[in-house]
Amino acid sequence: MTDTNFDPIILSFCCNWCSYAGADLAGISRLQYPTNVRIIRVMCSGMVHPNLVIDALTKGADGVIICGCHIGDCHYIDGNKKAESRAEAISLMLEDFGIEDEWFRIEWVSASEGPKFAQVMKEFTEEIINLGPSPYKV
């Protein structure tokens, strides 16, 4: 289902040290990515509790993406591995809530990957537009 009037709300939890800096580099480099992406800076992707993702998706967000440091490059040693484990739990929880797994994503983006950040946000936004609005949207 593709709705040309559908303008999704996408939350992006970005770790302070890599992904947020990658988003900053994308901005400094004047790389375009959809304006409907709302970036939330967190110290580490591993601190994003599954409830934050579920709450966002059940209270009106159309998509949620967690962006963190590449595996092995976490400033907090293994925070991104924790995020990866939580992502698996989130996928199972989404199934219980009847929410398609495609509305959630996890990506590794370093501080030097501004172009990758912009590309990931474009792709994810396109996927969400193709899925359509969240059934929880009021």
C-alpha atoms as a PDB file:
ATOM      1  CA  MET A   1       0.000   0.000   0.000  1.00  0.00           C
ATOM      2  CA  THR A   2       1.534   3.290  -1.040  1.00  0.00           C
ATOM      3  CA  ASP A   3      -0.145   6.482   0.076  1.00  0.00           C
ATOM      4  CA  THR A   4       1.332   9.579  -1.565  1.00  0.00           C
ATOM      5  CA  ASN A   5      -0.090  11.738   1.258  1.00  0.00           C
ATOM      6  CA  PHE A   6       1.421   9.585   4.003  1.00  0.00           C
ATOM      7  CA  ASP A   7       4.204  11.447   5.818  1.00  0.00           C
ATOM      8  CA  PRO A   8       5.561   8.978   8.395  1.00  0.00           C
ATOM      9  CA  ILE A   9       7.031   9.844  11.765  1.00  0.00           C
ATOM     10  CA  ILE A  10      10.289   7.977  12.246  1.00  0.00           C
ATOM     11  CA  LEU A  11      12.282   7.982  15.471  1.00  0.00           C
ATOM     12  CA  SER A  12      16.000   7.329  15.262  1.00  0.00           C
ATOM     13  CA  PHE A  13      17.809   6.520  18.500  1.00  0.00           C
ATOM     14  CA  CYS A  14      21.451   7.402  17.752  1.00  0.00           C
ATOM     15  CA  CYS A  15      24.430   6.702  19.975  1.00  0.00           C
ATOM     16  CA  ASN A  16      26.336   9.824  20.938  1.00  0.00           C
ATOM     17  CA  TRP A  17      29.771   8.700  19.813  1.00  0.00           C
ATOM     18  CA  CYS A  18      29.181   7.258  16.360  1.00  0.00           C
ATOM     19  CA  SER A  19      25.723   7.446  14.833  1.00  0.00           C
ATOM     20  CA  TYR A  20      24.834  10.901  16.134  1.00  0.00           C
ATOM     21  CA  ALA A  21      28.190  12.138  14.859  1.00  0.00           C
ATOM     22  CA  GLY A  22      27.431  10.405  11.534  1.00  0.00           C
ATOM     23  CA  ALA A  23      24.111  12.268  11.377  1.00  0.00           C
ATOM     24  CA  ASP A  24      25.975  15.478  12.164  1.00  0.00           C
ATOM     25  CA  LEU A  25      28.445  14.754   9.359  1.00  0.00           C
ATOM     26  CA  ALA A  26      25.529  14.179   6.980  1.00  0.00           C
ATOM     27  CA  GLY A  27      24.172  17.584   7.938  1.00  0.00           C
ATOM     28  CA  ILE A  28      27.513  19.346   7.686  1.00  0.00           C
ATOM     29  CA  SER A  29      28.058  17.713   4.293  1.00  0.00           C
ATOM     30  CA  ARG A  30      24.599  18.922   3.218  1.00  0.00           C
ATOM     31  CA  LEU A  31      23.475  15.389   2.425  1.00  0.00           C
ATOM     32  CA  GLN A  32      19.727  15.120   2.044  1.00  0.00           C
ATOM     33  CA  TYR A  33      17.634  12.658   4.004  1.00  0.00           C
ATOM     34  CA  PRO A  34      13.927  12.791   4.870  1.00  0.00           C
ATOM     35  CA  THR A  35      12.874  15.515   7.275  1.00  0.00           C
ATOM     36  CA  ASN A  36      10.396  13.224   8.995  1.00  0.00           C
ATOM     37  CA  VAL A  37      13.252  11.452  10.822  1.00  0.00           C
ATOM     38  CA  ARG A  38      13.410  12.593  14.451  1.00  0.00           C
ATOM     39  CA  ILE A  39      16.821  11.949  15.976  1.00  0.00           C
ATOM     40  CA  ILE A  40      17.048  11.153  19.665  1.00  0.00           C
ATOM     41  CA  ARG A  41      20.605  11.191  20.993  1.00  0.00           C
ATOM     42  CA  VAL A  42      21.421   8.486  23.529  1.00  0.00           C
ATOM     43  CA  MET A  43      24.803   7.840  25.082  1.00  0.00           C
ATOM     44  CA  CYS A  44      24.873   4.263  23.786  1.00  0.00           C
ATOM     45  CA  SER A  45      22.611   2.169  21.568  1.00  0.00           C
ATOM     46  CA  GLY A  46      22.724  -0.477  24.303  1.00  0.00           C
ATOM     47  CA  MET A  47      20.776   1.796  26.656  1.00  0.00           C
ATOM     48  CA  VAL A  48      17.688   1.879  24.412  1.00  0.00           C
ATOM     49  CA  HIS A  49      15.233  -0.235  26.362  1.00  0.00           C
ATOM     50  CA  PRO A  50      12.772  -2.313  24.339  1.00  0.00           C
ATOM     51  CA  ASN A  51       9.899  -0.484  26.055  1.00  0.00           C
ATOM     52  CA  LEU A  52      11.026   2.771  24.415  1.00  0.00           C
ATOM     53  CA  VAL A  53      10.659   1.197  20.978  1.00  0.00           C
ATOM     54  CA  ILE A  54       7.347  -0.494  21.753  1.00  0.00           C
ATOM     55  CA  ASP A  55       5.937   2.675  23.342  1.00  0.00           C
ATOM     56  CA  ALA A  56       6.979   4.752  20.338  1.00  0.00           C
ATOM     57  CA  LEU A  57       5.358   2.358  17.873  1.00  0.00           C
ATOM     58  CA  THR A  58       2.155   1.951  19.894  1.00  0.00           C
ATOM     59  CA  LYS A  59       1.779   5.689  20.510  1.00  0.00           C
ATOM     60  CA  GLY A  60       1.992   6.986  16.964  1.00  0.00           C
ATOM     61  CA  ALA A  61       5.482   6.570  15.506  1.00  0.00           C
ATOM     62  CA  ASP A  62       5.412   4.831  12.139  1.00  0.00           C
ATOM     63  CA  GLY A  63       8.964   3.493  12.392  1.00  0.00           C
ATOM     64  CA  VAL A  64      11.822   3.233  14.867  1.00  0.00           C
ATOM     65  CA  ILE A  65      15.473   2.725  14.046  1.00  0.00           C
ATOM     66  CA  ILE A  66      18.336   2.278  16.490  1.00  0.00           C
ATOM     67  CA  CYS A  67      21.741   3.348  15.183  1.00  0.00           C
ATOM     68  CA  GLY A  68      24.934   2.494  17.022  1.00  0.00           C
ATOM     69  CA  CYS A  69      28.665   1.999  16.690  1.00  0.00           C
ATOM     70  CA  HIS A  70      29.916  -0.887  14.587  1.00  0.00           C
ATOM     71  CA  ILE A  71      30.383  -4.142  16.485  1.00  0.00           C
ATOM     72  CA  GLY A  72      33.791  -4.022  18.148  1.00  0.00           C
ATOM     73  CA  ASP A  73      33.939  -0.203  18.145  1.00  0.00           C
ATOM     74  CA  CYS A  74      31.600   0.605  21.045  1.00  0.00           C
ATOM     75  CA  HIS A  75      32.857   3.309  23.390  1.00  0.00           C
ATOM     76  CA  TYR A  76      31.212   1.355  26.204  1.00  0.00           C
ATOM     77  CA  ILE A  77      32.907  -1.928  25.210  1.00  0.00           C
ATOM     78  CA  ASP A  78      29.847  -4.038  24.362  1.00  0.00           C
ATOM     79  CA  GLY A  79      26.863  -1.703  24.357  1.00  0.00           C
ATOM     80  CA  ASN A  80      26.161  -2.381  20.703  1.00  0.00           C
ATOM     81  CA  LYS A  81      26.135  -6.143  21.358  1.00  0.00           C
ATOM     82  CA  LYS A  82      23.570  -5.458  24.077  1.00  0.00           C
ATOM     83  CA  ALA A  83      21.559  -3.424  21.562  1.00  0.00           C
ATOM     84  CA  GLU A  84      21.741  -6.297  19.090  1.00  0.00           C
ATOM     85  CA  SER A  85      20.384  -8.709  21.724  1.00  0.00           C
ATOM     86  CA  ARG A  86      17.639  -6.259  22.612  1.00  0.00           C
ATOM     87  CA  ALA A  87      16.741  -5.911  18.939  1.00  0.00           C
ATOM     88  CA  GLU A  88      16.001  -9.626  18.830  1.00  0.00           C
ATOM     89  CA  ALA A  89      13.767  -9.260  21.897  1.00  0.00           C
ATOM     90  CA  ILE A  90      12.068  -6.238  20.331  1.00  0.00           C
ATOM     91  CA  SER A  91      11.257  -8.246  17.202  1.00  0.00           C
ATOM     92  CA  LEU A  92       9.559 -10.899  19.342  1.00  0.00           C
ATOM     93  CA  MET A  93       7.644  -8.263  21.297  1.00  0.00           C
ATOM     94  CA  LEU A  94       6.469  -6.601  18.083  1.00  0.00           C
ATOM     95  CA  GLU A  95       5.042  -9.918  16.952  1.00  0.00           C
ATOM     96  CA  ASP A  96       3.066 -10.127  20.216  1.00  0.00           C
ATOM     97  CA  PHE A  97       1.662  -6.639  19.612  1.00  0.00           C
ATOM     98  CA  GLY A  98       0.743  -7.466  16.014  1.00  0.00           C
ATOM     99  CA  ILE A  99       3.221  -4.942  14.652  1.00  0.00           C
ATOM    100  CA  GLU A 100       5.155  -5.826  11.534  1.00  0.00           C
ATOM    101  CA  ASP A 101       8.855  -6.385  12.184  1.00  0.00           C
ATOM    102  CA  GLU A 102       9.694  -4.078   9.268  1.00  0.00           C
ATOM    103  CA  TRP A 103       8.674  -1.029  11.323  1.00  0.00           C
ATOM    104  CA  PHE A 104      11.791  -1.526  13.425  1.00  0.00           C
ATOM    105  CA  ARG A 105      15.414  -1.641  12.340  1.00  0.00           C
ATOM    106  CA  ILE A 106      18.905  -1.580  13.818  1.00  0.00           C
ATOM    107  CA  GLU A 107      21.934  -0.229  11.948  1.00  0.00           C
ATOM    108  CA  TRP A 108      25.614   0.361  12.645  1.00  0.00           C
ATOM    109  CA  VAL A 109      26.831   3.776  11.493  1.00  0.00           C
ATOM    110  CA  SER A 110      30.189   5.268  12.483  1.00  0.00           C
ATOM    111  CA  ALA A 111      31.040   8.939  12.925  1.00  0.00           C
ATOM    112  CA  SER A 112      32.745   9.003   9.526  1.00  0.00           C
ATOM    113  CA  GLU A 113      29.755   7.533   7.667  1.00  0.00           C
ATOM    114  CA  GLY A 114      27.572  10.567   7.035  1.00  0.00           C
ATOM    115  CA  PRO A 115      26.624   9.335   3.555  1.00  0.00           C
ATOM    116  CA  LYS A 116      25.664   5.936   4.972  1.00  0.00           C
ATOM    117  CA  PHE A 117      23.499   7.592   7.637  1.00  0.00           C
ATOM    118  CA  ALA A 118      21.636   9.604   5.003  1.00  0.00           C
ATOM    119  CA  GLN A 119      21.197   6.524   2.788  1.00  0.00           C
ATOM    120  CA  VAL A 120      19.913   4.354   5.654  1.00  0.00           C
ATOM    121  CA  MET A 121      17.364   7.023   6.600  1.00  0.00           C
ATOM    122  CA  LYS A 122      16.188   7.339   2.972  1.00  0.00           C
ATOM    123  CA  GLU A 123      15.804   3.570   2.614  1.00  0.00           C
ATOM    124  CA  PHE A 124      14.032   3.128   5.939  1.00  0.00           C
ATOM    125  CA  THR A 125      11.632   5.985   5.208  1.00  0.00           C
ATOM    126  CA  GLU A 126      10.788   4.434   1.820  1.00  0.00           C
ATOM    127  CA  GLU A 127      10.135   1.072   3.499  1.00  0.00           C
ATOM    128  CA  ILE A 128       7.837   2.706   6.060  1.00  0.00           C
ATOM    129  CA  ILE A 129       5.939   4.599   3.340  1.00  0.00           C
ATOM    130  CA  ASN A 130       5.387   1.304   1.513  1.00  0.00           C
ATOM    131  CA  LEU A 131       4.095  -0.306   4.720  1.00  0.00           C
ATOM    132  CA  GLY A 132       1.685   2.524   5.372  1.00  0.00           C
ATOM    133  CA  PRO A 133       0.675   4.222   8.606  1.00  0.00           C
ATOM    134  CA  SER A 134       0.911   2.478  11.938  1.00  0.00           C
ATOM    135  CA  PRO A 135      -2.338   0.779  12.956  1.00  0.00           C
ATOM    136  CA  TYR A 136      -1.872   2.452  16.341  1.00  0.00           C
ATOM    137  CA  LYS A 137      -1.969   5.935  14.840  1.00  0.00           C
ATOM    138  CA  VAL A 138      -4.799   7.970  16.317  1.00  0.00           C
END
